[in-house]
Amino acid sequence: MVLVLVLLPGLTALFHGVETAPGTADVVRSVTILLGKFGIFLAVMLIVGKKLIPAILHYVAHTGSRELFRLAVLSIALGVAYAAAELFGISLALGAFFAGMMLSESQLSQQAATESLPLRDAFAVLFFVSVGMLFNPGIVVEAPFALLATVLIILVGKSLAAFVVVRRFGHSRSAALMVSASLAQIGEFSFILADRSLQLGLLPEEGRDLILAGAIITILLNPLLFAVLDIYAARREKALAEAAAAEREEEETPMREPIRPTSLKDHVVLVGHGRVGSFISSVLNEQKVPLFVIEDDEDGVAALRQLGIEALAGNAADPAVIQAANLPGARCLLVAIPDAFEGGQVVQQARAINPKLPIIARAHSEEEIDYLKRHGATLVVMGEHEIAKAMLDNVAEIAALVEHAASAERPPPGLAEKPAATS
């Protein structure tokens, strides 16, 4: 869009007919001058504006006046846009766009965006009100076939071109369909380009009416395309998941070897060896407590085996894996995985194997505590609760220390100050 807005004035003469068409040298000269002006404008903005505009914002912000800061943001945006149009022959919209890019270089860009939010909303309303006033409803009756062709170009032509480009770059079909649906409408940039073309005499009034009508219709139809795309994506994902599950079941079930159960007795079974599980295993290992660990990370299992800890790689929610832990002969089960849903599956299966087994699980919310207890957990530990208990346990001790320090600073009752004796 930036390149089109810059090059359009220089290429205008090519579209005015063969009789008035300029020579190649004239077109090249015109385009070169425009690109030169645009390059100078970019250099000024990137070299001077990148440092000057943030410095002005910081200076104004230190005055502490929100009104002055808001006016500074507005003045910079309009000033750069006006300078771009008057000095460099670039459109106001394009100048304001680059002013926004320079404002984003400042650390105060978020504040500037917040302060200018009411102005942005007001200008957006004015912009679309003006577009609505330019729309000619009669075009629907006067040129229905031309309007239909315009809508089809936007919906089908743009979408098909986007689909082909995305697929040619090696992306998936779902990504191509998403991009195609996103581009199946036109918006404010098209209005700016149409207005510029109308000023340059490249577009008739009827053409602008068709563009406005096509934009309104495609913007209304665009959510319907996304709804259809969501339905298609959901069905496709479900079909792929079912096919993959069936294929996995066919491949894995016959080839799966039976898992040998552990020979440990009176041992602790630990499910999950992350941050919590690794701390538990290190303490139990130091205390020489028999330990059996179930962890889905094969590298972690290999490291545990090197330390002399019996470990099994797999998912504890798998009945064959949890059977290998010898729960009937275990001392207790510790479920240290962070996923409460998977933890509930483990707890439920363990409770079915050994109804009297003490099971301690981990949770992150009150809902997860209730969920795990419903599935048979003896005790559920939540980090926030344990922190609160530790803080409360230390309240009495800290209060006693403070009281002891205060009493040490006070003199004993019998040593109160007495008036000095006179000689």
Protein backbone atom coordinates (compact mmCIF):
# COMPACT_ATOMS: atom_id res chain seq x y z
CA MET A 1 0.00 0.00 0.00
CA VAL A 2 2.87 2.37 0.83
CA LEU A 3 4.53 1.76 -2.53
CA VAL A 4 1.23 2.13 -4.41
CA LEU A 5 0.42 5.43 -2.73
CA VAL A 6 3.92 6.72 -3.50
CA LEU A 7 4.15 5.54 -7.12
CA LEU A 8 0.56 6.20 -8.18
CA PRO A 9 0.99 9.92 -9.02
CA GLY A 10 4.03 9.20 -11.16
CA LEU A 11 2.29 6.42 -13.08
CA THR A 12 -0.97 8.33 -13.57
CA ALA A 13 -0.12 9.49 -17.09
CA LEU A 14 0.14 5.89 -18.32
CA PHE A 15 -3.59 5.38 -17.80
CA HIS A 16 -4.91 8.48 -19.58
CA GLY A 17 -4.88 7.06 -23.13
CA VAL A 18 -2.37 6.43 -25.88
CA GLU A 19 -2.56 9.98 -27.27
CA THR A 20 -1.49 11.59 -24.03
CA ALA A 21 0.75 8.80 -22.82
CA PRO A 22 4.27 10.04 -21.97
CA GLY A 23 7.46 8.44 -23.09
CA THR A 24 9.37 5.90 -21.09
CA ALA A 25 11.97 8.50 -20.07
CA ASP A 26 9.27 10.81 -18.66
CA VAL A 27 7.72 8.00 -16.63
CA VAL A 28 11.10 6.89 -15.29
CA ARG A 29 11.98 10.48 -14.39
CA SER A 30 8.67 11.03 -12.61
CA VAL A 31 8.90 7.78 -10.69
CA THR A 32 12.54 8.47 -9.79
CA ILE A 33 11.68 11.91 -8.42
CA LEU A 34 8.85 10.45 -6.34
CA LEU A 35 11.04 7.65 -5.00
CA GLY A 36 13.78 10.19 -4.24
CA LYS A 37 11.35 12.35 -2.25
CA PHE A 38 10.06 9.30 -0.46
CA GLY A 39 13.63 8.18 0.33
CA ILE A 40 14.49 11.63 1.73
CA PHE A 41 11.32 11.57 3.83
CA LEU A 42 12.21 8.11 5.18
CA ALA A 43 15.77 9.24 5.94
CA VAL A 44 14.53 12.30 7.81
CA MET A 45 12.04 10.22 9.79
CA LEU A 46 14.47 7.41 10.60
CA ILE A 47 17.50 9.59 11.39
CA VAL A 48 16.01 12.78 12.81
CA GLY A 49 12.50 11.76 13.81
CA LYS A 50 13.61 8.57 15.55
CA LYS A 51 15.56 10.65 18.08
CA LEU A 52 13.74 13.97 17.99
CA ILE A 53 10.15 12.76 18.44
CA PRO A 54 10.86 10.51 21.48
CA ALA A 55 12.93 13.36 23.01
CA ILE A 56 10.01 15.79 22.60
CA LEU A 57 7.63 13.30 24.20
CA HIS A 58 9.95 12.76 27.17
CA TYR A 59 10.39 16.51 27.66
CA VAL A 60 6.64 17.12 27.59
CA ALA A 61 5.95 14.15 29.88
CA HIS A 62 8.28 15.59 32.54
CA THR A 63 6.13 18.71 32.76
CA GLY A 64 3.46 16.54 34.39
CA SER A 65 0.61 17.94 32.28
CA ARG A 66 -1.57 15.30 30.66
CA GLU A 67 -3.29 17.89 28.48
CA LEU A 68 0.04 19.15 27.14
CA PHE A 69 1.19 15.57 26.48
CA ARG A 70 -2.01 14.81 24.57
CA LEU A 71 -1.62 17.98 22.50
CA ALA A 72 2.03 17.11 21.79
CA VAL A 73 1.05 13.68 20.44
CA LEU A 74 -1.63 15.21 18.23
CA SER A 75 0.68 17.99 17.02
CA ILE A 76 3.44 15.53 16.10
CA ALA A 77 1.04 13.30 14.15
CA LEU A 78 -0.61 16.14 12.24
CA GLY A 79 2.66 18.05 11.78
CA VAL A 80 4.49 15.10 10.25
CA ALA A 81 1.47 14.30 8.05
CA TYR A 82 1.26 17.91 6.80
CA ALA A 83 5.03 18.11 6.19
CA ALA A 84 4.94 14.83 4.27
CA ALA A 85 2.19 16.16 2.02
CA GLU A 86 3.56 19.68 1.46
CA LEU A 87 7.31 19.07 1.31
CA PHE A 88 7.57 15.57 -0.12
CA GLY A 89 4.32 15.12 -2.03
CA ILE A 90 3.25 12.14 0.08
CA SER A 91 -0.34 11.67 1.21
CA LEU A 92 -1.48 12.83 4.64
CA ALA A 93 -2.46 9.29 5.64
CA LEU A 94 0.98 7.95 4.78
CA GLY A 95 2.71 10.77 6.69
CA ALA A 96 0.57 10.09 9.77
CA PHE A 97 1.40 6.40 9.48
CA PHE A 98 5.15 7.09 9.66
CA ALA A 99 4.59 9.55 12.50
CA GLY A 100 2.99 6.69 14.43
CA MET A 101 5.98 4.47 13.67
CA MET A 102 8.32 7.09 15.14
CA LEU A 103 6.10 7.55 18.19
CA SER A 104 6.35 3.82 18.83
CA GLU A 105 10.13 4.19 19.26
CA SER A 106 9.56 6.07 22.51
CA GLN A 107 9.19 4.32 25.86
CA LEU A 108 6.11 6.47 26.32
CA SER A 109 4.39 5.00 23.26
CA GLN A 110 1.87 3.10 25.40
CA GLN A 111 0.99 6.27 27.27
CA ALA A 112 0.75 8.18 23.99
CA ALA A 113 -1.62 5.53 22.60
CA THR A 114 -3.73 5.71 25.77
CA GLU A 115 -3.90 9.51 25.75
CA SER A 116 -4.79 9.63 22.06
CA LEU A 117 -7.45 6.91 22.34
CA PRO A 118 -10.39 9.38 22.50
CA LEU A 119 -9.00 11.23 19.47
CA ARG A 120 -8.48 7.98 17.62
CA ASP A 121 -12.07 6.93 18.24
CA ALA A 122 -13.34 10.35 17.14
CA PHE A 123 -11.30 10.30 13.92
CA ALA A 124 -12.36 6.69 13.21
CA VAL A 125 -16.00 7.67 13.60
CA LEU A 126 -15.53 10.69 11.32
CA PHE A 127 -13.72 8.54 8.77
CA PHE A 128 -16.44 5.94 8.53
CA VAL A 129 -19.21 8.52 8.69
CA SER A 130 -17.64 10.24 5.69
CA VAL A 131 -17.35 6.89 3.90
CA GLY A 132 -21.01 6.20 4.65
CA MET A 133 -22.00 9.58 3.24
CA LEU A 134 -20.04 8.87 0.07
CA PHE A 135 -21.85 5.54 -0.44
CA ASN A 136 -24.50 5.61 -3.15
CA PRO A 137 -27.22 2.99 -2.39
CA GLY A 138 -28.54 3.40 -5.92
CA ILE A 139 -25.55 1.47 -7.27
CA VAL A 140 -27.25 -1.74 -6.08
CA VAL A 141 -30.13 -1.12 -8.50
CA GLU A 142 -28.24 0.70 -11.26
CA ALA A 143 -25.36 -1.79 -11.66
CA PRO A 144 -26.22 -5.06 -9.89
CA PHE A 145 -24.04 -7.22 -12.15
CA ALA A 146 -21.04 -4.93 -11.78
CA LEU A 147 -21.54 -5.01 -7.99
CA LEU A 148 -21.78 -8.81 -8.05
CA ALA A 149 -18.56 -8.97 -10.07
CA THR A 150 -16.86 -6.64 -7.58
CA VAL A 151 -17.94 -8.80 -4.62
CA LEU A 152 -16.79 -11.99 -6.36
CA ILE A 153 -13.40 -10.42 -7.17
CA ILE A 154 -12.96 -9.59 -3.49
CA LEU A 155 -14.33 -12.83 -2.04
CA VAL A 156 -13.06 -15.31 -4.63
CA GLY A 157 -10.27 -13.55 -6.50
CA LYS A 158 -8.38 -12.22 -3.47
CA SER A 159 -8.94 -15.38 -1.45
CA LEU A 160 -7.81 -17.66 -4.27
CA ALA A 161 -4.67 -15.57 -4.89
CA ALA A 162 -3.86 -15.62 -1.16
CA PHE A 163 -4.42 -19.39 -0.98
CA VAL A 164 -2.06 -20.04 -3.91
CA VAL A 165 0.66 -17.76 -2.49
CA VAL A 166 0.55 -19.32 0.99
CA ARG A 167 0.61 -22.85 -0.42
CA ARG A 168 3.48 -21.99 -2.78
CA PHE A 169 5.51 -20.93 0.24
CA GLY A 170 5.06 -24.39 1.75
CA HIS A 171 2.49 -23.68 4.46
CA SER A 172 -0.35 -26.02 5.39
CA ARG A 173 -3.80 -26.00 3.86
CA SER A 174 -5.37 -24.85 7.14
CA ALA A 175 -3.02 -21.85 7.28
CA ALA A 176 -3.79 -21.01 3.64
CA LEU A 177 -7.54 -21.19 4.28
CA MET A 178 -7.21 -18.96 7.35
CA VAL A 179 -5.27 -16.33 5.39
CA SER A 180 -7.75 -16.57 2.51
CA ALA A 181 -10.71 -16.00 4.84
CA SER A 182 -8.91 -13.08 6.47
CA LEU A 183 -8.38 -11.39 3.10
CA ALA A 184 -11.90 -12.02 1.79
CA GLN A 185 -12.89 -8.40 2.48
CA ILE A 186 -11.52 -4.88 1.98
CA GLY A 187 -11.38 -1.99 4.40
CA GLU A 188 -10.08 1.50 5.04
CA PHE A 189 -6.87 1.16 3.00
CA SER A 190 -8.97 0.43 -0.06
CA PHE A 191 -11.01 3.57 0.63
CA ILE A 192 -7.81 5.65 0.82
CA LEU A 193 -6.53 4.17 -2.45
CA ALA A 194 -9.90 4.71 -4.16
CA ASP A 195 -10.04 8.33 -2.99
CA ARG A 196 -6.48 8.93 -4.22
CA SER A 197 -7.33 7.35 -7.59
CA LEU A 198 -10.43 9.52 -7.85
CA GLN A 199 -8.34 12.66 -7.22
CA LEU A 200 -5.90 11.64 -9.93
CA GLY A 201 -8.68 10.91 -12.42
CA LEU A 202 -7.94 7.18 -12.57
CA LEU A 203 -11.27 6.04 -11.17
CA PRO A 204 -14.80 7.20 -12.05
CA GLU A 205 -17.44 7.96 -9.45
CA GLU A 206 -19.19 4.67 -10.26
CA GLY A 207 -15.98 2.78 -9.53
CA ARG A 208 -15.75 4.31 -6.05
CA ASP A 209 -19.42 3.46 -5.43
CA LEU A 210 -18.76 -0.15 -6.41
CA ILE A 211 -15.74 -0.33 -4.10
CA LEU A 212 -17.68 1.09 -1.14
CA ALA A 213 -20.64 -1.24 -1.73
CA GLY A 214 -18.31 -4.22 -2.19
CA ALA A 215 -16.48 -3.35 1.04
CA ILE A 216 -19.71 -3.15 3.03
CA ILE A 217 -21.02 -6.46 1.65
CA THR A 218 -17.75 -8.36 2.13
CA ILE A 219 -17.28 -7.04 5.67
CA LEU A 220 -20.77 -8.35 6.48
CA LEU A 221 -20.04 -11.74 4.84
CA ASN A 222 -16.58 -12.21 6.36
CA PRO A 223 -17.74 -13.55 9.76
CA LEU A 224 -19.86 -16.14 7.96
CA LEU A 225 -16.75 -17.36 6.10
CA PHE A 226 -14.89 -17.74 9.38
CA ALA A 227 -17.85 -19.67 10.85
CA VAL A 228 -17.80 -22.06 7.88
CA LEU A 229 -14.01 -22.37 8.19
CA ASP A 230 -14.31 -23.22 11.90
CA ILE A 231 -16.81 -25.98 11.16
CA TYR A 232 -14.59 -27.36 8.40
CA ALA A 233 -11.48 -27.22 10.60
CA ALA A 234 -13.23 -28.95 13.52
CA ARG A 235 -14.48 -31.79 11.30
CA ARG A 236 -11.10 -32.18 9.62
CA GLU A 237 -9.22 -32.26 12.95
CA LYS A 238 -11.66 -34.82 14.34
CA ALA A 239 -11.26 -37.03 11.28
CA LEU A 240 -7.45 -36.76 11.39
CA ALA A 241 -7.40 -37.51 15.12
CA GLU A 242 -9.59 -40.58 14.70
CA ALA A 243 -7.47 -41.83 11.80
CA ALA A 244 -4.23 -41.26 13.73
CA ALA A 245 -5.63 -43.00 16.82
CA ALA A 246 -6.74 -45.98 14.78
CA GLU A 247 -3.39 -46.20 13.01
CA ARG A 248 -1.53 -45.87 16.32
CA GLU A 249 -3.64 -48.60 17.87
CA GLU A 250 -3.02 -50.92 14.96
CA GLU A 251 0.74 -50.32 15.03
CA GLU A 252 1.40 -50.27 18.77
CA THR A 253 -0.97 -52.83 20.25
CA PRO A 254 0.54 -56.00 18.70
CA MET A 255 4.13 -54.85 19.24
CA ARG A 256 3.78 -53.73 22.88
CA GLU A 257 5.89 -55.77 25.29
CA PRO A 258 4.58 -56.53 28.80
CA ILE A 259 6.01 -54.33 31.56
CA ARG A 260 7.67 -56.21 34.40
CA PRO A 261 6.39 -55.13 37.82
CA THR A 262 8.87 -53.91 40.42
CA SER A 263 10.04 -56.22 43.20
CA LEU A 264 10.15 -53.37 45.75
CA LYS A 265 8.02 -53.62 48.90
CA ASP A 266 7.10 -51.06 51.51
CA HIS A 267 8.25 -48.45 49.02
CA VAL A 268 7.06 -44.99 47.98
CA VAL A 269 5.66 -44.63 44.46
CA LEU A 270 6.31 -41.17 42.97
CA VAL A 271 4.47 -40.11 39.80
CA GLY A 272 6.16 -37.16 38.07
CA HIS A 273 9.76 -36.03 38.42
CA GLY A 274 9.60 -32.31 37.68
CA ARG A 275 10.47 -29.51 40.09
CA VAL A 276 8.35 -30.96 42.91
CA GLY A 277 9.08 -34.61 42.19
CA SER A 278 12.84 -34.11 41.96
CA PHE A 279 12.91 -32.45 45.40
CA ILE A 280 10.90 -35.34 46.88
CA SER A 281 13.13 -38.00 45.33
CA SER A 282 16.33 -36.32 46.55
CA VAL A 283 15.06 -36.21 50.16
CA LEU A 284 13.76 -39.81 50.11
CA ASN A 285 16.98 -41.02 48.50
CA GLU A 286 19.04 -39.39 51.27
CA GLN A 287 16.81 -41.07 53.86
CA LYS A 288 17.31 -44.44 52.17
CA VAL A 289 13.56 -44.88 51.59
CA PRO A 290 12.77 -47.37 48.81
CA LEU A 291 11.47 -45.36 45.88
CA PHE A 292 9.82 -46.18 42.55
CA VAL A 293 9.43 -43.30 40.08
CA ILE A 294 7.09 -43.11 37.06
CA GLU A 295 8.12 -40.35 34.64
CA ASP A 296 7.27 -39.80 30.96
CA ASP A 297 10.65 -38.18 30.17
CA GLU A 298 13.04 -40.94 29.12
CA ASP A 299 16.15 -38.81 29.74
CA GLY A 300 14.97 -38.13 33.29
CA VAL A 301 14.36 -41.84 33.84
CA ALA A 302 17.87 -42.65 32.62
CA ALA A 303 19.34 -40.09 35.05
CA LEU A 304 17.38 -41.61 37.96
CA ARG A 305 18.60 -45.08 37.12
CA GLN A 306 22.19 -43.85 37.18
CA LEU A 307 21.56 -42.66 40.75
CA GLY A 308 20.35 -46.14 41.69
CA ILE A 309 16.65 -45.20 41.82
CA GLU A 310 14.26 -47.60 40.15
CA ALA A 311 12.28 -45.68 37.52
CA LEU A 312 9.88 -46.46 34.69
CA ALA A 313 9.30 -44.36 31.57
CA GLY A 314 5.63 -44.00 30.72
CA ASN A 315 2.31 -42.41 31.57
CA ALA A 316 1.00 -43.40 35.01
CA ALA A 317 -2.57 -43.10 33.72
CA ASP A 318 -1.84 -46.17 31.57
CA PRO A 319 -3.15 -49.23 33.48
CA ALA A 320 -0.16 -51.35 32.43
CA VAL A 321 2.28 -48.73 33.77
CA ILE A 322 0.59 -48.18 37.13
CA GLN A 323 0.31 -51.98 37.60
CA ALA A 324 4.12 -52.19 37.40
CA ALA A 325 4.47 -50.01 40.55
CA ASN A 326 3.30 -52.86 42.86
CA LEU A 327 0.78 -50.66 44.66
CA PRO A 328 -0.54 -53.50 46.89
CA GLY A 329 2.88 -53.66 48.54
CA ALA A 330 3.62 -49.90 48.49
CA ARG A 331 3.85 -47.62 51.53
CA CYS A 332 2.13 -44.66 49.79
CA LEU A 333 1.61 -42.98 46.42
CA LEU A 334 2.72 -39.40 45.69
CA VAL A 335 1.18 -37.81 42.57
CA ALA A 336 3.43 -34.81 41.80
CA ILE A 337 2.38 -34.08 38.21
CA PRO A 338 0.90 -30.57 37.65
CA ASP A 339 -1.99 -31.77 35.46
CA ALA A 340 -4.92 -32.41 37.82
CA PHE A 341 -6.98 -34.19 35.14
CA GLU A 342 -4.25 -36.73 34.48
CA GLY A 343 -3.57 -36.92 38.22
CA GLY A 344 -7.23 -37.81 38.83
CA GLN A 345 -6.93 -40.72 36.38
CA VAL A 346 -3.84 -41.99 38.24
CA VAL A 347 -5.51 -41.64 41.64
CA GLN A 348 -8.66 -43.43 40.47
CA GLN A 349 -6.74 -46.41 39.09
CA ALA A 350 -4.47 -46.59 42.14
CA ARG A 351 -7.46 -46.56 44.48
CA ALA A 352 -9.03 -49.42 42.53
CA ILE A 353 -5.83 -51.47 42.88
CA ASN A 354 -5.29 -50.78 46.62
CA PRO A 355 -8.29 -49.28 48.47
CA LYS A 356 -6.25 -48.72 51.66
CA LEU A 357 -3.23 -47.06 50.02
CA PRO A 358 -2.43 -43.51 51.30
CA ILE A 359 -2.46 -41.24 48.23
CA ILE A 360 -1.13 -37.65 48.30
CA ALA A 361 -1.75 -35.52 45.21
CA ARG A 362 -0.90 -32.03 44.03
CA ALA A 363 -3.37 -29.31 42.96
CA HIS A 364 -3.41 -25.66 41.89
CA SER A 365 -6.97 -24.62 42.75
CA GLU A 366 -9.91 -25.45 45.01
CA GLU A 367 -11.72 -27.11 42.09
CA GLU A 368 -8.74 -29.40 41.48
CA ILE A 369 -8.67 -30.31 45.19
CA ASP A 370 -12.33 -31.39 45.06
CA TYR A 371 -11.73 -33.25 41.79
CA LEU A 372 -8.78 -35.26 43.15
CA LYS A 373 -10.55 -36.07 46.43
CA ARG A 374 -13.60 -37.31 44.53
CA HIS A 375 -11.35 -39.71 42.65
CA GLY A 376 -9.89 -41.15 45.86
CA ALA A 377 -6.95 -38.99 47.01
CA THR A 378 -6.29 -39.22 50.76
CA LEU A 379 -4.70 -35.77 50.94
CA VAL A 380 -4.38 -33.00 48.33
CA VAL A 381 -1.64 -30.38 48.71
CA MET A 382 -1.99 -26.91 47.20
CA GLY A 383 1.05 -24.62 47.12
CA GLU A 384 -0.77 -21.47 48.19
CA HIS A 385 -2.27 -23.23 51.23
CA GLU A 386 1.10 -24.57 52.33
CA ILE A 387 2.72 -21.13 52.02
CA ALA A 388 -0.05 -19.63 54.13
CA LYS A 389 0.34 -22.36 56.78
CA ALA A 390 4.10 -21.80 56.93
CA MET A 391 3.62 -18.06 57.37
CA LEU A 392 1.02 -18.57 60.11
CA ASP A 393 3.27 -21.09 61.89
CA ASN A 394 5.99 -18.45 62.04
CA VAL A 395 3.74 -15.64 63.30
CA ALA A 396 3.91 -16.73 66.95
CA GLU A 397 7.69 -17.23 66.79
CA ILE A 398 8.28 -13.82 65.18
CA ALA A 399 5.98 -12.12 67.70
CA ALA A 400 7.92 -13.73 70.55
CA LEU A 401 11.24 -12.54 69.10
CA VAL A 402 9.91 -8.98 68.72
CA GLU A 403 8.59 -9.00 72.28
CA HIS A 404 11.92 -10.32 73.57
CA ALA A 405 13.84 -7.60 71.71
CA ALA A 406 11.54 -4.89 73.08
CA SER A 407 11.86 -6.14 76.66
CA ALA A 408 15.64 -6.22 76.37
CA GLU A 409 15.66 -2.49 75.55
CA ARG A 410 13.47 -1.54 78.58
CA PRO A 411 15.26 -1.14 81.99
CA PRO A 412 14.11 -3.40 84.82
CA PRO A 413 11.32 -1.95 87.03
CA GLY A 414 13.67 -1.41 89.98
CA LEU A 415 16.18 0.60 87.95
CA ALA A 416 13.98 3.52 87.01
CA GLU A 417 15.72 6.86 86.85
CA LYS A 418 16.01 8.72 90.18
CA PRO A 419 16.64 12.41 90.68
CA ALA A 420 20.31 13.23 91.01
CA ALA A 421 21.50 13.79 94.61
CA THR A 422 22.75 17.27 95.54
CA SER A 423 26.11 17.58 97.26
